[in-house]
Amino acid sequence: MDPKAPTGGAPPPGAGDTNRPAGTRARLFDYIFLLRPMILIPVWTFFLLGAHHGATAAGIDVGASRLLAGLFSFTALLGAIYIMNQIADRAADLAGNKLFLLSKGIVSARAAWIEAAALVAVSFCAALLFLPLVFSGILAASLALGAAYSFEPVRLKRRRVLDVLANAVGNGVLNTLAGWIAAGAPLAGWPSLAPYPLAVASVHLATTLADMEADSKMGFRTSGAALGISRGLFVSTALMGGAVVAAYLAGNTPALAASVLSLPFFLIPVRSVTSPARNGDALIPAKAATLIFSVAAGYLFPLYIPFLAAVILLTRLYYARRFGMSYPSLRG
């Protein structure tokens, strides 16, 4: 599961003075934002969409307490996975001047490992106490996939096709199934979730295009680096088109609306040969699609919208005061 997709990931290189760590000691909020709340947004979004479809298929109401327990457990696990990815990527992030909490030593690798281990333990404890055993199985599969994505000798992140597939499975399948189970629904009727892996694959491929120059320098043969910006944008657009078709065939109205509304944003960066697309343009559809699918989840779970607004506001305040940066932003 890609810690860089689908919200556009890292703060933009060059924003603020990132050549000098902001303080010699880590602060409490550094450990909170090491979990990267902005890229937890798609985790929450697809989890809630999965919960909605599970409850609909089973003809039940979503139980708030179990849903929140599942969301807490899955958030803790994905936060741990994102921390582990940053540990593995310290050299690449330092070269790209991004995600500098770990790469520039503001938070030590040892402290990050301790935080990640604690989050994994908390995640499984919450699952075992409050959720069906199959939910813990989904957690275990997600953890294994996250480790395989980040670490050698597998390191799916640097392998074309497999990097996109890993994210499609992680955020598009395991994530939505976790929400499905947390809603209290049996695993029946889950093919309605078919559009989500395609949508996630589309967005992830777009983010690899934005990062392809830095990835190529580090020897990562990602899908973005292999395809190049123009072909990659066309494939990314086709994948979102596939999500539209899958949503229609599955009768998945929220996914159909979100994917149809997202598709035009993937067409924006696809320019003519005389006006070639730029790497940074790939983040426009990625961020737009994330926003649109999140609004779809917010329509189904209205309290999700103010929660997201609070997360974005607090993230902007943190990066502005801690590093003098404007993040998150629409571009870059």
Protein backbone atom coordinates (compact mmCIF):
# COMPACT_ATOMS: atom_id res chain seq x y z
CA MET A 1 0.00 0.00 0.00
CA ASP A 2 1.53 3.16 -1.19
CA PRO A 3 2.34 5.74 1.42
CA LYS A 4 2.46 8.34 -1.36
CA ALA A 5 -0.89 7.88 -2.97
CA PRO A 6 -3.67 9.03 -3.39
CA THR A 7 -3.49 12.52 -1.83
CA GLY A 8 -0.36 13.65 -3.54
CA GLY A 9 1.73 12.48 -0.65
CA ALA A 10 4.77 14.46 0.37
CA PRO A 11 5.09 18.16 1.01
CA PRO A 12 6.51 19.83 -2.08
CA PRO A 13 10.30 19.98 -2.35
CA GLY A 14 11.64 23.46 -1.89
CA ALA A 15 8.71 24.74 0.17
CA GLY A 16 10.14 26.34 3.26
CA ASP A 17 13.67 25.86 4.56
CA THR A 18 13.90 22.08 4.58
CA ASN A 19 17.70 22.03 4.41
CA ARG A 20 17.80 22.65 8.12
CA PRO A 21 15.82 20.53 10.60
CA ALA A 22 13.24 22.60 12.48
CA GLY A 23 14.66 22.10 15.94
CA THR A 24 17.12 19.57 17.31
CA ARG A 25 14.59 17.52 19.24
CA ALA A 26 11.42 15.83 18.09
CA ARG A 27 8.17 17.20 19.45
CA LEU A 28 4.95 15.39 20.27
CA PHE A 29 3.21 16.50 17.08
CA ASP A 30 6.14 15.22 15.01
CA TYR A 31 5.28 11.69 16.11
CA ILE A 32 1.61 12.25 15.27
CA PHE A 33 2.34 13.61 11.81
CA LEU A 34 4.88 10.87 11.20
CA LEU A 35 1.76 8.76 10.57
CA ARG A 36 1.05 11.09 7.61
CA PRO A 37 -2.61 11.94 8.21
CA MET A 38 -3.10 13.31 4.70
CA ILE A 39 -2.49 9.94 3.10
CA LEU A 40 -4.61 8.26 5.73
CA ILE A 41 -7.55 10.07 4.14
CA PRO A 42 -7.95 7.51 1.32
CA VAL A 43 -7.63 4.76 3.94
CA TRP A 44 -10.57 6.20 5.86
CA THR A 45 -12.51 6.92 2.68
CA PHE A 46 -12.37 3.41 1.23
CA PHE A 47 -12.87 1.85 4.66
CA LEU A 48 -16.13 3.78 5.05
CA LEU A 49 -17.23 2.97 1.52
CA GLY A 50 -16.61 -0.71 2.24
CA ALA A 51 -18.63 -0.42 5.44
CA HIS A 52 -21.53 1.13 3.57
CA HIS A 53 -21.58 -1.57 0.91
CA GLY A 54 -21.29 -4.34 3.49
CA ALA A 55 -24.21 -3.00 5.50
CA THR A 56 -26.27 -2.52 2.34
CA ALA A 57 -25.55 -6.05 1.10
CA ALA A 58 -26.46 -7.55 4.48
CA GLY A 59 -29.49 -5.31 4.99
CA ILE A 60 -28.23 -4.07 8.36
CA ASP A 61 -27.44 -0.76 10.00
CA VAL A 62 -23.79 0.12 10.57
CA GLY A 63 -22.98 -0.19 14.27
CA ALA A 64 -21.15 2.97 15.28
CA SER A 65 -19.08 1.41 18.09
CA ARG A 66 -17.76 -1.48 16.03
CA LEU A 67 -17.19 0.76 13.01
CA LEU A 68 -15.12 3.17 15.10
CA ALA A 69 -13.18 0.26 16.62
CA GLY A 70 -12.39 -1.03 13.14
CA LEU A 71 -11.45 2.40 11.87
CA PHE A 72 -9.16 2.96 14.86
CA SER A 73 -7.53 -0.45 14.45
CA PHE A 74 -6.97 -0.09 10.71
CA THR A 75 -5.69 3.48 11.08
CA ALA A 76 -3.13 2.37 13.64
CA LEU A 77 -1.92 -0.42 11.38
CA LEU A 78 -1.65 1.76 8.27
CA GLY A 79 0.08 4.47 10.28
CA ALA A 80 2.67 1.87 11.30
CA ILE A 81 3.08 0.77 7.68
CA TYR A 82 3.62 4.38 6.56
CA ILE A 83 6.24 4.87 9.24
CA MET A 84 8.06 1.71 8.13
CA ASN A 85 8.01 2.93 4.55
CA GLN A 86 9.65 6.19 5.61
CA ILE A 87 12.31 4.24 7.51
CA ALA A 88 13.06 2.22 4.38
CA ASP A 89 13.04 5.33 2.18
CA ARG A 90 15.24 7.62 4.26
CA ALA A 91 17.99 7.88 1.63
CA ALA A 92 15.55 8.49 -1.22
CA ASP A 93 13.60 11.05 0.78
CA LEU A 94 16.78 12.88 1.73
CA ALA A 95 17.82 13.03 -1.93
CA GLY A 96 14.37 14.29 -2.90
CA ASN A 97 14.23 16.76 0.01
CA LYS A 98 10.91 15.45 1.30
CA LEU A 99 9.40 13.65 4.29
CA PHE A 100 12.29 15.00 6.32
CA LEU A 101 11.11 14.06 9.82
CA LEU A 102 13.05 10.82 9.45
CA SER A 103 15.38 11.54 6.54
CA LYS A 104 16.87 14.59 8.29
CA GLY A 105 16.96 13.06 11.73
CA ILE A 106 14.28 15.10 13.47
CA VAL A 107 12.80 11.76 14.56
CA SER A 108 15.32 8.95 15.00
CA ALA A 109 14.91 5.62 13.21
CA ARG A 110 14.91 3.86 16.58
CA ALA A 111 12.06 6.03 17.87
CA ALA A 112 10.16 5.47 14.62
CA TRP A 113 10.52 1.69 14.93
CA ILE A 114 9.24 1.81 18.51
CA GLU A 115 6.25 3.90 17.43
CA ALA A 116 5.48 1.55 14.54
CA ALA A 117 5.70 -1.54 16.76
CA ALA A 118 3.42 0.06 19.36
CA LEU A 119 0.87 0.95 16.69
CA VAL A 120 0.85 -2.61 15.33
CA ALA A 121 0.32 -4.00 18.83
CA VAL A 122 -2.51 -1.55 19.55
CA SER A 123 -4.11 -2.33 16.20
CA PHE A 124 -4.24 -6.08 16.74
CA CYS A 125 -5.33 -5.73 20.38
CA ALA A 126 -8.28 -3.55 19.37
CA ALA A 127 -9.22 -5.97 16.59
CA LEU A 128 -9.08 -9.04 18.80
CA LEU A 129 -11.12 -7.37 21.53
CA PHE A 130 -13.88 -5.76 19.50
CA LEU A 131 -14.02 -7.27 16.01
CA PRO A 132 -14.48 -10.67 14.31
CA LEU A 133 -11.37 -12.79 13.91
CA VAL A 134 -11.42 -12.34 10.14
CA PHE A 135 -10.66 -8.64 10.68
CA SER A 136 -7.35 -9.62 12.32
CA GLY A 137 -6.64 -11.75 9.26
CA ILE A 138 -7.12 -8.67 7.06
CA LEU A 139 -4.76 -6.74 9.34
CA ALA A 140 -2.13 -9.48 9.02
CA ALA A 141 -2.43 -9.51 5.23
CA SER A 142 -2.17 -5.71 5.13
CA LEU A 143 0.92 -5.73 7.34
CA ALA A 144 2.60 -8.40 5.20
CA LEU A 145 1.80 -6.46 2.02
CA GLY A 146 3.07 -3.21 3.53
CA ALA A 147 6.35 -4.84 4.54
CA ALA A 148 6.74 -6.43 1.11
CA TYR A 149 6.11 -3.05 -0.50
CA SER A 150 8.80 -1.25 1.51
CA PHE A 151 11.59 -3.67 2.32
CA GLU A 152 14.14 -5.81 0.50
CA PRO A 153 14.39 -8.36 -0.92
CA VAL A 154 10.85 -8.00 -2.24
CA ARG A 155 10.39 -4.20 -2.19
CA LEU A 156 7.40 -4.04 -4.48
CA LYS A 157 7.71 -0.27 -4.57
CA ARG A 158 10.58 -0.50 -7.05
CA ARG A 159 8.97 -3.08 -9.34
CA ARG A 160 6.79 -1.92 -12.21
CA VAL A 161 3.24 -3.26 -12.40
CA LEU A 162 3.65 -4.87 -8.97
CA ASP A 163 3.80 -1.44 -7.32
CA VAL A 164 0.41 -0.51 -8.77
CA LEU A 165 -1.03 -3.98 -8.09
CA ALA A 166 0.09 -3.87 -4.45
CA ASN A 167 -1.72 -0.59 -3.92
CA ALA A 168 -4.84 -1.80 -5.71
CA VAL A 169 -4.95 -4.82 -3.39
CA GLY A 170 -4.04 -2.87 -0.26
CA ASN A 171 -6.25 0.19 -0.51
CA GLY A 172 -8.81 -1.11 -2.98
CA VAL A 173 -9.43 -4.64 -1.64
CA LEU A 174 -8.14 -5.20 1.90
CA ASN A 175 -9.14 -1.71 3.02
CA THR A 176 -12.71 -1.94 1.75
CA LEU A 177 -13.08 -5.50 3.07
CA ALA A 178 -11.95 -4.27 6.49
CA GLY A 179 -14.76 -1.72 6.45
CA TRP A 180 -17.17 -4.39 5.24
CA ILE A 181 -16.32 -6.66 8.20
CA ALA A 182 -16.32 -3.78 10.69
CA ALA A 183 -19.89 -2.97 9.63
CA GLY A 184 -20.89 -6.45 10.84
CA ALA A 185 -21.63 -7.86 7.38
CA PRO A 186 -20.79 -11.41 6.25
CA LEU A 187 -18.54 -11.82 3.23
CA ALA A 188 -21.31 -12.15 0.66
CA GLY A 189 -21.99 -9.73 -2.15
CA TRP A 190 -18.51 -8.22 -1.98
CA PRO A 191 -18.07 -8.10 -5.81
CA SER A 192 -19.80 -4.71 -5.51
CA LEU A 193 -16.39 -3.48 -4.36
CA ALA A 194 -14.83 -4.21 -7.79
CA PRO A 195 -14.53 -0.55 -8.92
CA TYR A 196 -12.32 0.47 -6.01
CA PRO A 197 -9.11 -1.45 -6.90
CA LEU A 198 -9.24 0.11 -10.38
CA ALA A 199 -9.73 3.60 -8.96
CA VAL A 200 -6.87 3.13 -6.50
CA ALA A 201 -4.59 1.77 -9.25
CA SER A 202 -5.39 4.79 -11.39
CA VAL A 203 -4.52 7.25 -8.65
CA HIS A 204 -1.39 5.41 -7.56
CA LEU A 205 -0.02 5.30 -11.10
CA ALA A 206 -0.57 9.05 -11.35
CA THR A 207 1.48 9.63 -8.19
CA THR A 208 4.35 7.47 -9.49
CA LEU A 209 4.45 9.74 -12.53
CA ALA A 210 4.89 12.75 -10.28
CA ASP A 211 7.78 11.01 -8.49
CA MET A 212 9.36 9.25 -11.47
CA GLU A 213 12.48 11.41 -11.79
CA ALA A 214 13.46 10.99 -8.14
CA ASP A 215 12.57 7.29 -8.25
CA SER A 216 14.68 6.76 -11.39
CA LYS A 217 17.70 8.37 -9.71
CA MET A 218 17.36 5.91 -6.84
CA GLY A 219 17.11 2.97 -9.26
CA PHE A 220 13.41 2.34 -8.62
CA ARG A 221 11.84 0.94 -11.78
CA THR A 222 8.31 2.01 -10.86
CA SER A 223 5.39 1.85 -13.23
CA GLY A 224 5.64 5.60 -13.70
CA ALA A 225 9.32 5.46 -14.57
CA ALA A 226 8.73 2.55 -16.96
CA LEU A 227 5.81 4.17 -18.81
CA GLY A 228 6.87 7.80 -18.89
CA ILE A 229 4.58 10.73 -18.29
CA SER A 230 2.47 10.64 -21.48
CA ARG A 231 1.82 6.90 -21.65
CA GLY A 232 1.42 6.74 -17.90
CA LEU A 233 -1.29 9.39 -17.94
CA PHE A 234 -3.17 7.52 -20.64
CA VAL A 235 -2.99 4.25 -18.68
CA SER A 236 -4.05 6.02 -15.50
CA THR A 237 -7.02 7.53 -17.33
CA ALA A 238 -7.95 4.13 -18.77
CA LEU A 239 -7.89 2.60 -15.29
CA MET A 240 -10.29 5.23 -14.00
CA GLY A 241 -12.45 4.55 -17.05
CA GLY A 242 -12.38 0.89 -16.06
CA ALA A 243 -13.61 1.90 -12.61
CA VAL A 244 -16.58 3.62 -14.27
CA VAL A 245 -17.46 0.46 -16.21
CA ALA A 246 -16.98 -1.80 -13.17
CA ALA A 247 -19.14 0.45 -11.01
CA TYR A 248 -21.91 0.42 -13.60
CA LEU A 249 -21.82 -3.36 -13.99
CA ALA A 250 -21.71 -3.90 -10.21
CA GLY A 251 -24.57 -1.47 -9.60
CA ASN A 252 -22.34 0.51 -7.26
CA THR A 253 -23.89 3.98 -7.34
CA PRO A 254 -21.40 5.82 -5.05
CA ALA A 255 -18.41 4.44 -6.98
CA LEU A 256 -20.09 5.21 -10.32
CA ALA A 257 -20.74 8.82 -9.38
CA ALA A 258 -17.26 9.32 -7.93
CA SER A 259 -15.41 7.70 -10.82
CA VAL A 260 -17.45 9.53 -13.47
CA LEU A 261 -16.76 12.86 -11.75
CA SER A 262 -13.06 11.98 -11.34
CA LEU A 263 -12.49 10.92 -14.95
CA PRO A 264 -12.40 14.43 -16.51
CA PHE A 265 -9.56 15.43 -14.17
CA PHE A 266 -7.45 12.61 -15.61
CA LEU A 267 -8.00 14.03 -19.07
CA ILE A 268 -6.72 17.51 -18.12
CA PRO A 269 -2.97 16.61 -18.08
CA VAL A 270 -3.19 14.57 -21.30
CA ARG A 271 -1.87 17.20 -23.71
CA SER A 272 -0.76 17.25 -27.30
CA VAL A 273 2.74 16.44 -28.47
CA THR A 274 3.42 20.15 -28.90
CA SER A 275 2.45 20.83 -25.30
CA PRO A 276 3.62 17.78 -23.33
CA ALA A 277 2.32 16.92 -19.92
CA ARG A 278 4.51 17.62 -16.91
CA ASN A 279 5.22 15.34 -13.98
CA GLY A 280 3.50 17.60 -11.47
CA ASP A 281 0.32 17.62 -13.54
CA ALA A 282 -0.28 14.00 -12.54
CA LEU A 283 -1.06 15.13 -9.00
CA ILE A 284 -4.08 17.14 -10.20
CA PRO A 285 -6.22 14.09 -11.05
CA ALA A 286 -4.85 12.15 -8.09
CA LYS A 287 -5.88 14.82 -5.61
CA ALA A 288 -9.17 15.52 -7.36
CA ALA A 289 -10.14 11.84 -7.32
CA THR A 290 -9.22 11.54 -3.65
CA LEU A 291 -11.40 14.53 -2.85
CA ILE A 292 -14.33 13.26 -4.91
CA PHE A 293 -14.31 9.75 -3.43
CA SER A 294 -13.98 11.29 0.05
CA VAL A 295 -17.02 13.49 -0.58
CA ALA A 296 -18.89 10.34 -1.67
CA ALA A 297 -17.98 8.70 1.63
CA GLY A 298 -18.97 11.89 3.43
CA TYR A 299 -22.37 11.84 1.77
CA LEU A 300 -22.91 8.38 3.24
CA PHE A 301 -21.35 9.24 6.61
CA PRO A 302 -21.95 13.00 7.12
CA LEU A 303 -19.69 13.37 10.18
CA TYR A 304 -16.76 12.37 7.98
CA ILE A 305 -16.74 15.76 6.21
CA PRO A 306 -16.07 17.94 9.29
CA PHE A 307 -13.55 15.35 10.48
CA LEU A 308 -11.64 15.66 7.19
CA ALA A 309 -11.81 19.45 7.36
CA ALA A 310 -10.27 19.34 10.84
CA VAL A 311 -7.48 16.98 9.69
CA ILE A 312 -6.60 19.22 6.74
CA LEU A 313 -6.67 22.37 8.86
CA LEU A 314 -4.48 20.88 11.58
CA THR A 315 -2.05 19.57 8.95
CA ARG A 316 -1.73 23.03 7.40
CA LEU A 317 -1.16 24.59 10.83
CA TYR A 318 1.46 21.99 11.73
CA TYR A 319 3.52 22.40 8.56
CA ALA A 320 3.18 26.19 8.58
CA ARG A 321 4.34 26.59 12.17
CA ARG A 322 6.85 23.77 12.29
CA PHE A 323 8.49 24.16 8.88
CA GLY A 324 7.16 27.34 7.30
CA MET A 325 5.49 25.35 4.52
CA SER A 326 2.14 25.54 2.77
CA TYR A 327 0.94 21.94 2.82
CA PRO A 328 -1.36 20.43 1.71
CA SER A 329 -1.89 22.40 -1.48
CA LEU A 330 -3.76 21.78 -4.70
CA ARG A 331 -0.62 21.59 -6.83
CA GLY A 332 2.77 20.11 -5.99
